[in-house]
Amino acid sequence: MADIAMVFHWGPEQMNAMPLPELMDWRERARERWERMHGA
C-alpha cells in the first residue's frame, strides 16, 4: 500500500501487522489527507 507509506511514512513491518479491514481504513485516510494537502 504505497499510498499509506507515502502519506504516513510507514514501512511494510507496520502495515503487515494490521488486519485487512484496518489497512483499508488507513488507506482511505491517506487518500483523504493527500487530497486535502494537494488538491483533488
PDB file of N, CA and C in Angstrom:
ATOM      1  N   MET A   1       0.848  -1.175   0.000  1.00  0.00           N
ATOM      2  CA  MET A   1       0.000   0.000   0.000  1.00  0.00           C
ATOM      3  C   MET A   1       0.891   1.236   0.000  1.00  0.00           C
ATOM      4  N   ALA A   2       1.349   1.552  -1.177  1.00  0.00           N
ATOM      5  CA  ALA A   2       2.291   2.657  -1.324  1.00  0.00           C
ATOM      6  C   ALA A   2       1.716   3.989  -0.871  1.00  0.00           C
ATOM      7  N   ASP A   3       0.419   4.196  -1.056  1.00  0.00           N
ATOM      8  CA  ASP A   3      -0.167   5.471  -0.649  1.00  0.00           C
ATOM      9  C   ASP A   3      -0.084   5.665   0.857  1.00  0.00           C
ATOM     10  N   ILE A   4      -0.271   4.605   1.640  1.00  0.00           N
ATOM     11  CA  ILE A   4      -0.138   4.702   3.097  1.00  0.00           C
ATOM     12  C   ILE A   4       1.307   5.006   3.460  1.00  0.00           C
ATOM     13  N   ALA A   5       2.230   4.304   2.846  1.00  0.00           N
ATOM     14  CA  ALA A   5       3.648   4.518   3.132  1.00  0.00           C
ATOM     15  C   ALA A   5       4.065   5.945   2.809  1.00  0.00           C
ATOM     16  N   MET A   6       3.572   6.466   1.694  1.00  0.00           N
ATOM     17  CA  MET A   6       3.967   7.806   1.273  1.00  0.00           C
ATOM     18  C   MET A   6       3.388   8.884   2.194  1.00  0.00           C
ATOM     19  N   VAL A   7       2.123   8.760   2.563  1.00  0.00           N
ATOM     20  CA  VAL A   7       1.468   9.794   3.359  1.00  0.00           C
ATOM     21  C   VAL A   7       1.880   9.720   4.822  1.00  0.00           C
ATOM     22  N   PHE A   8       1.909   8.510   5.394  1.00  0.00           N
ATOM     23  CA  PHE A   8       2.169   8.362   6.827  1.00  0.00           C
ATOM     24  C   PHE A   8       3.601   7.937   7.148  1.00  0.00           C
ATOM     25  N   HIS A   9       4.399   7.639   6.122  1.00  0.00           N
ATOM     26  CA  HIS A   9       5.801   7.233   6.301  1.00  0.00           C
ATOM     27  C   HIS A   9       5.910   5.945   7.113  1.00  0.00           C
ATOM     28  N   TRP A  10       5.053   5.003   6.817  1.00  0.00           N
ATOM     29  CA  TRP A  10       5.087   3.695   7.467  1.00  0.00           C
ATOM     30  C   TRP A  10       5.756   2.693   6.553  1.00  0.00           C
ATOM     31  N   GLY A  11       6.489   1.788   7.158  1.00  0.00           N
ATOM     32  CA  GLY A  11       7.132   0.724   6.396  1.00  0.00           C
ATOM     33  C   GLY A  11       6.276  -0.526   6.366  1.00  0.00           C
ATOM     34  N   PRO A  12       6.704  -1.513   5.596  1.00  0.00           N
ATOM     35  CA  PRO A  12       5.944  -2.766   5.491  1.00  0.00           C
ATOM     36  C   PRO A  12       5.734  -3.457   6.835  1.00  0.00           C
ATOM     37  N   GLU A  13       6.689  -3.335   7.728  1.00  0.00           N
ATOM     38  CA  GLU A  13       6.548  -4.018   9.024  1.00  0.00           C
ATOM     39  C   GLU A  13       5.347  -3.494   9.813  1.00  0.00           C
ATOM     40  N   GLN A  14       5.033  -2.200   9.725  1.00  0.00           N
ATOM     41  CA  GLN A  14       3.863  -1.662  10.415  1.00  0.00           C
ATOM     42  C   GLN A  14       2.575  -2.121   9.727  1.00  0.00           C
ATOM     43  N   MET A  15       2.570  -2.091   8.413  1.00  0.00           N
ATOM     44  CA  MET A  15       1.352  -2.437   7.681  1.00  0.00           C
ATOM     45  C   MET A  15       1.076  -3.934   7.677  1.00  0.00           C
ATOM     46  N   ASN A  16       2.104  -4.762   7.657  1.00  0.00           N
ATOM     47  CA  ASN A  16       1.910  -6.216   7.650  1.00  0.00           C
ATOM     48  C   ASN A  16       1.230  -6.708   8.919  1.00  0.00           C
ATOM     49  N   ALA A  17       1.389  -5.979  10.020  1.00  0.00           N
ATOM     50  CA  ALA A  17       0.800  -6.385  11.290  1.00  0.00           C
ATOM     51  C   ALA A  17      -0.695  -6.073  11.382  1.00  0.00           C
ATOM     52  N   MET A  18      -1.235  -5.297  10.450  1.00  0.00           N
ATOM     53  CA  MET A  18      -2.637  -4.873  10.508  1.00  0.00           C
ATOM     54  C   MET A  18      -3.544  -5.852   9.779  1.00  0.00           C
ATOM     55  N   PRO A  19      -4.721  -6.076  10.330  1.00  0.00           N
ATOM     56  CA  PRO A  19      -5.712  -6.850   9.565  1.00  0.00           C
ATOM     57  C   PRO A  19      -6.182  -6.039   8.360  1.00  0.00           C
ATOM     58  N   LEU A  20      -6.650  -6.706   7.351  1.00  0.00           N
ATOM     59  CA  LEU A  20      -7.024  -6.051   6.100  1.00  0.00           C
ATOM     60  C   LEU A  20      -8.052  -4.924   6.288  1.00  0.00           C
ATOM     61  N   PRO A  21      -9.122  -5.113   7.082  1.00  0.00           N
ATOM     62  CA  PRO A  21     -10.077  -4.004   7.236  1.00  0.00           C
ATOM     63  C   PRO A  21      -9.436  -2.738   7.818  1.00  0.00           C
ATOM     64  N   GLU A  22      -8.528  -2.896   8.765  1.00  0.00           N
ATOM     65  CA  GLU A  22      -7.836  -1.738   9.332  1.00  0.00           C
ATOM     66  C   GLU A  22      -6.925  -1.093   8.297  1.00  0.00           C
ATOM     67  N   LEU A  23      -6.247  -1.906   7.528  1.00  0.00           N
ATOM     68  CA  LEU A  23      -5.370  -1.400   6.480  1.00  0.00           C
ATOM     69  C   LEU A  23      -6.164  -0.600   5.446  1.00  0.00           C
ATOM     70  N   MET A  24      -7.325  -1.087   5.078  1.00  0.00           N
ATOM     71  CA  MET A  24      -8.162  -0.370   4.121  1.00  0.00           C
ATOM     72  C   MET A  24      -8.661   0.956   4.697  1.00  0.00           C
ATOM     73  N   ASP A  25      -8.934   0.980   6.001  1.00  0.00           N
ATOM     74  CA  ASP A  25      -9.333   2.225   6.655  1.00  0.00           C
ATOM     75  C   ASP A  25      -8.200   3.241   6.607  1.00  0.00           C
ATOM     76  N   TRP A  26      -6.973   2.801   6.871  1.00  0.00           N
ATOM     77  CA  TRP A  26      -5.827   3.705   6.804  1.00  0.00           C
ATOM     78  C   TRP A  26      -5.564   4.175   5.383  1.00  0.00           C
ATOM     79  N   ARG A  27      -5.849   3.319   4.403  1.00  0.00           N
ATOM     80  CA  ARG A  27      -5.670   3.714   3.009  1.00  0.00           C
ATOM     81  C   ARG A  27      -6.619   4.854   2.649  1.00  0.00           C
ATOM     82  N   GLU A  28      -7.856   4.764   3.120  1.00  0.00           N
ATOM     83  CA  GLU A  28      -8.818   5.830   2.861  1.00  0.00           C
ATOM     84  C   GLU A  28      -8.387   7.126   3.566  1.00  0.00           C
ATOM     85  N   ARG A  29      -7.880   7.008   4.774  1.00  0.00           N
ATOM     86  CA  ARG A  29      -7.379   8.200   5.478  1.00  0.00           C
ATOM     87  C   ARG A  29      -6.215   8.832   4.724  1.00  0.00           C
ATOM     88  N   ALA A  30      -5.345   8.009   4.167  1.00  0.00           N
ATOM     89  CA  ALA A  30      -4.215   8.528   3.390  1.00  0.00           C
ATOM     90  C   ALA A  30      -4.714   9.262   2.154  1.00  0.00           C
ATOM     91  N   ARG A  31      -5.708   8.685   1.472  1.00  0.00           N
ATOM     92  CA  ARG A  31      -6.269   9.330   0.289  1.00  0.00           C
ATOM     93  C   ARG A  31      -6.882  10.679   0.633  1.00  0.00           C
ATOM     94  N   GLU A  32      -7.646  10.734   1.721  1.00  0.00           N
ATOM     95  CA  GLU A  32      -8.272  11.981   2.139  1.00  0.00           C
ATOM     96  C   GLU A  32      -7.225  13.035   2.503  1.00  0.00           C
ATOM     97  N   ARG A  33      -6.203  12.622   3.228  1.00  0.00           N
ATOM     98  CA  ARG A  33      -5.157  13.568   3.626  1.00  0.00           C
ATOM     99  C   ARG A  33      -4.424  14.103   2.402  1.00  0.00           C
ATOM    100  N   TRP A  34      -4.120  13.217   1.447  1.00  0.00           N
ATOM    101  CA  TRP A  34      -3.424  13.639   0.229  1.00  0.00           C
ATOM    102  C   TRP A  34      -4.256  14.678  -0.524  1.00  0.00           C
ATOM    103  N   GLU A  35      -5.558  14.420  -0.635  1.00  0.00           N
ATOM    104  CA  GLU A  35      -6.419  15.369  -1.332  1.00  0.00           C
ATOM    105  C   GLU A  35      -6.489  16.725  -0.617  1.00  0.00           C
ATOM    106  N   ARG A  36      -6.537  16.716   0.701  1.00  0.00           N
ATOM    107  CA  ARG A  36      -6.546  17.975   1.442  1.00  0.00           C
ATOM    108  C   ARG A  36      -5.247  18.749   1.252  1.00  0.00           C
ATOM    109  N   MET A  37      -4.146  18.040   1.192  1.00  0.00           N
ATOM    110  CA  MET A  37      -2.847  18.689   1.093  1.00  0.00           C
ATOM    111  C   MET A  37      -2.512  19.127  -0.335  1.00  0.00           C
ATOM    112  N   HIS A  38      -2.972  18.365  -1.323  1.00  0.00           N
ATOM    113  CA  HIS A  38      -2.531  18.577  -2.701  1.00  0.00           C
ATOM    114  C   HIS A  38      -3.659  18.864  -3.676  1.00  0.00           C
ATOM    115  N   GLY A  39      -4.862  18.869  -3.194  1.00  0.00           N
ATOM    116  CA  GLY A  39      -5.995  19.093  -4.084  1.00  0.00           C
ATOM    117  C   GLY A  39      -6.398  17.849  -4.827  1.00  0.00           C
ATOM    118  N   ALA A  40      -7.621  17.807  -5.234  1.00  0.00           N
ATOM    119  CA  ALA A  40      -8.126  16.614  -5.920  1.00  0.00           C
ATOM    120  C   ALA A  40      -7.921  16.717  -7.411  1.00  0.00           C
TER     121      ALA A  40
END
